[in-house]
C-alpha atoms as a PDB file:
ATOM      1  CA  MET A   1       0.000   0.000   0.000  1.00  0.00           C
ATOM      2  CA  GLY A   2       1.472   3.331  -0.962  1.00  0.00           C
ATOM      3  CA  ILE A   3       4.598   4.525  -2.700  1.00  0.00           C
ATOM      4  CA  ALA A   4       6.985   3.287   0.024  1.00  0.00           C
ATOM      5  CA  ASN A   5       5.906  -0.363  -0.390  1.00  0.00           C
ATOM      6  CA  SER A   6       9.059  -1.444  -2.215  1.00  0.00           C
ATOM      7  CA  GLY A   7       8.650  -5.017  -0.918  1.00  0.00           C
ATOM      8  CA  ARG A   8       5.206  -5.216  -2.545  1.00  0.00           C
ATOM      9  CA  TYR A   9       3.593  -6.476   0.663  1.00  0.00           C
ATOM     10  CA  SER A  10      -0.117  -7.023   0.143  1.00  0.00           C
ATOM     11  CA  ASN A  11      -2.853  -7.907   2.590  1.00  0.00           C
ATOM     12  CA  PRO A  12      -6.316  -6.648   1.537  1.00  0.00           C
ATOM     13  CA  ASP A  13      -7.768  -7.322   5.009  1.00  0.00           C
ATOM     14  CA  LEU A  14      -5.036  -5.212   6.593  1.00  0.00           C
ATOM     15  CA  ASP A  15      -5.588  -2.435   4.024  1.00  0.00           C
ATOM     16  CA  ALA A  16      -9.311  -2.334   4.862  1.00  0.00           C
ATOM     17  CA  LYS A  17      -8.653  -2.226   8.606  1.00  0.00           C
ATOM     18  CA  LEU A  18      -6.009   0.472   8.125  1.00  0.00           C
ATOM     19  CA  ALA A  19      -8.480   2.597   6.179  1.00  0.00           C
ATOM     20  CA  VAL A  20     -10.887   2.381   9.131  1.00  0.00           C
ATOM     21  CA  ALA A  21      -8.124   3.204  11.637  1.00  0.00           C
ATOM     22  CA  LYS A  22      -7.108   6.265   9.614  1.00  0.00           C
ATOM     23  CA  ARG A  23     -10.679   7.591   9.865  1.00  0.00           C
ATOM     24  CA  THR A  24     -11.004   6.887  13.597  1.00  0.00           C
ATOM     25  CA  LEU A  25     -10.848  10.098  15.620  1.00  0.00           C
ATOM     26  CA  ASP A  26     -10.809   8.508  19.079  1.00  0.00           C
ATOM     27  CA  ASP A  27      -7.117   8.249  20.052  1.00  0.00           C
ATOM     28  CA  ALA A  28      -7.514   5.183  22.282  1.00  0.00           C
ATOM     29  CA  LYS A  29      -9.527   3.247  19.690  1.00  0.00           C
ATOM     30  CA  ARG A  30      -7.120   4.199  16.901  1.00  0.00           C
ATOM     31  CA  GLU A  31      -4.098   3.191  19.013  1.00  0.00           C
ATOM     32  CA  LYS A  32      -5.698  -0.207  19.717  1.00  0.00           C
ATOM     33  CA  MET A  33      -6.477  -0.706  16.014  1.00  0.00           C
ATOM     34  CA  LEU A  34      -2.946   0.248  14.955  1.00  0.00           C
ATOM     35  CA  SER A  35      -1.485  -2.089  17.570  1.00  0.00           C
ATOM     36  CA  GLU A  36      -3.570  -4.944  16.148  1.00  0.00           C
ATOM     37  CA  LEU A  37      -2.449  -4.021  12.625  1.00  0.00           C
ATOM     38  CA  SER A  38       1.190  -4.075  13.733  1.00  0.00           C
ATOM     39  CA  GLU A  39       0.632  -7.580  15.079  1.00  0.00           C
ATOM     40  CA  ILE A  40      -0.798  -8.689  11.708  1.00  0.00           C
ATOM     41  CA  VAL A  41       2.193  -7.266   9.822  1.00  0.00           C
ATOM     42  CA  PHE A  42       4.591  -8.883  12.312  1.00  0.00           C
ATOM     43  CA  ASN A  43       2.898 -12.286  11.987  1.00  0.00           C
ATOM     44  CA  ASP A  44       2.851 -12.018   8.185  1.00  0.00           C
ATOM     45  CA  VAL A  45       6.624 -11.412   8.301  1.00  0.00           C
ATOM     46  CA  ALA A  46       6.091  -8.474   5.965  1.00  0.00           C
ATOM     47  CA  LEU A  47       9.461  -7.025   6.902  1.00  0.00           C
ATOM     48  CA  ILE A  48      12.770  -8.633   7.746  1.00  0.00           C
ATOM     49  CA  PRO A  49      15.077  -6.069   9.383  1.00  0.00           C
ATOM     50  CA  MET A  50      18.500  -6.171   7.755  1.00  0.00           C
ATOM     51  CA  HIS A  51      20.048  -3.252   9.623  1.00  0.00           C
ATOM     52  CA  HIS A  52      19.789  -1.826  13.109  1.00  0.00           C
ATOM     53  CA  GLU A  53      21.052   1.651  14.018  1.00  0.00           C
ATOM     54  CA  VAL A  54      22.797   2.072  17.336  1.00  0.00           C
ATOM     55  CA  LEU A  55      23.013   5.588  18.733  1.00  0.00           C
ATOM     56  CA  VAL A  56      25.988   6.254  20.992  1.00  0.00           C
ATOM     57  CA  VAL A  57      25.868   9.454  23.035  1.00  0.00           C
ATOM     58  CA  ALA A  58      28.279  10.761  25.673  1.00  0.00           C
ATOM     59  CA  ALA A  59      27.220  13.146  28.430  1.00  0.00           C
ATOM     60  CA  ARG A  60      28.611  15.869  30.690  1.00  0.00           C
ATOM     61  CA  LYS A  61      26.881  17.673  33.552  1.00  0.00           C
ATOM     62  CA  ASP A  62      27.371  21.080  31.934  1.00  0.00           C
ATOM     63  CA  LEU A  63      26.299  20.048  28.428  1.00  0.00           C
ATOM     64  CA  GLN A  64      22.719  19.760  27.235  1.00  0.00           C
ATOM     65  CA  PHE A  65      22.107  17.888  23.988  1.00  0.00           C
ATOM     66  CA  THR A  66      18.952  16.630  22.320  1.00  0.00           C
ATOM     67  CA  THR A  67      19.380  13.547  20.148  1.00  0.00           C
ATOM     68  CA  ARG A  68      17.669  13.388  16.781  1.00  0.00           C
ATOM     69  CA  ALA A  69      15.665  10.512  15.290  1.00  0.00           C
ATOM     70  CA  ASP A  70      17.598  10.818  12.016  1.00  0.00           C
ATOM     71  CA  GLN A  71      20.928  10.044  13.772  1.00  0.00           C
ATOM     72  CA  TYR A  72      22.500  13.389  12.795  1.00  0.00           C
ATOM     73  CA  THR A  73      24.641  15.122  15.406  1.00  0.00           C
ATOM     74  CA  LEU A  74      24.427  18.875  14.934  1.00  0.00           C
ATOM     75  CA  ALA A  75      26.398  21.393  16.996  1.00  0.00           C
ATOM     76  CA  MET A  76      23.351  23.662  17.126  1.00  0.00           C
ATOM     77  CA  ASN A  77      21.568  20.969  19.187  1.00  0.00           C
ATOM     78  CA  ALA A  78      24.135  21.266  21.998  1.00  0.00           C
ATOM     79  CA  LYS A  79      24.519  24.001  24.575  1.00  0.00           C
ATOM     80  CA  ILE A  80      26.500  24.647  27.724  1.00  0.00           C
ATOM     81  CA  VAL A  81      24.260  24.974  30.792  1.00  0.00           C
END
């Protein structure tokens, strides 16, 4: 489903349930639905992880740094406190 589906994973039942979850405004209900969908994808073995990023960060008491999800380390994200 979608442009990022380079593995061509297909599960029409999952697609239908995802469409419902995307229209669900209640956060708790949507979270439960998405959790169930994740379980379906996991059990279908739709993805086999081939790489795992490890983020290594050092710390000092006088340095404040916010890590980024994209693994980039930018000087502008650090400051002396």
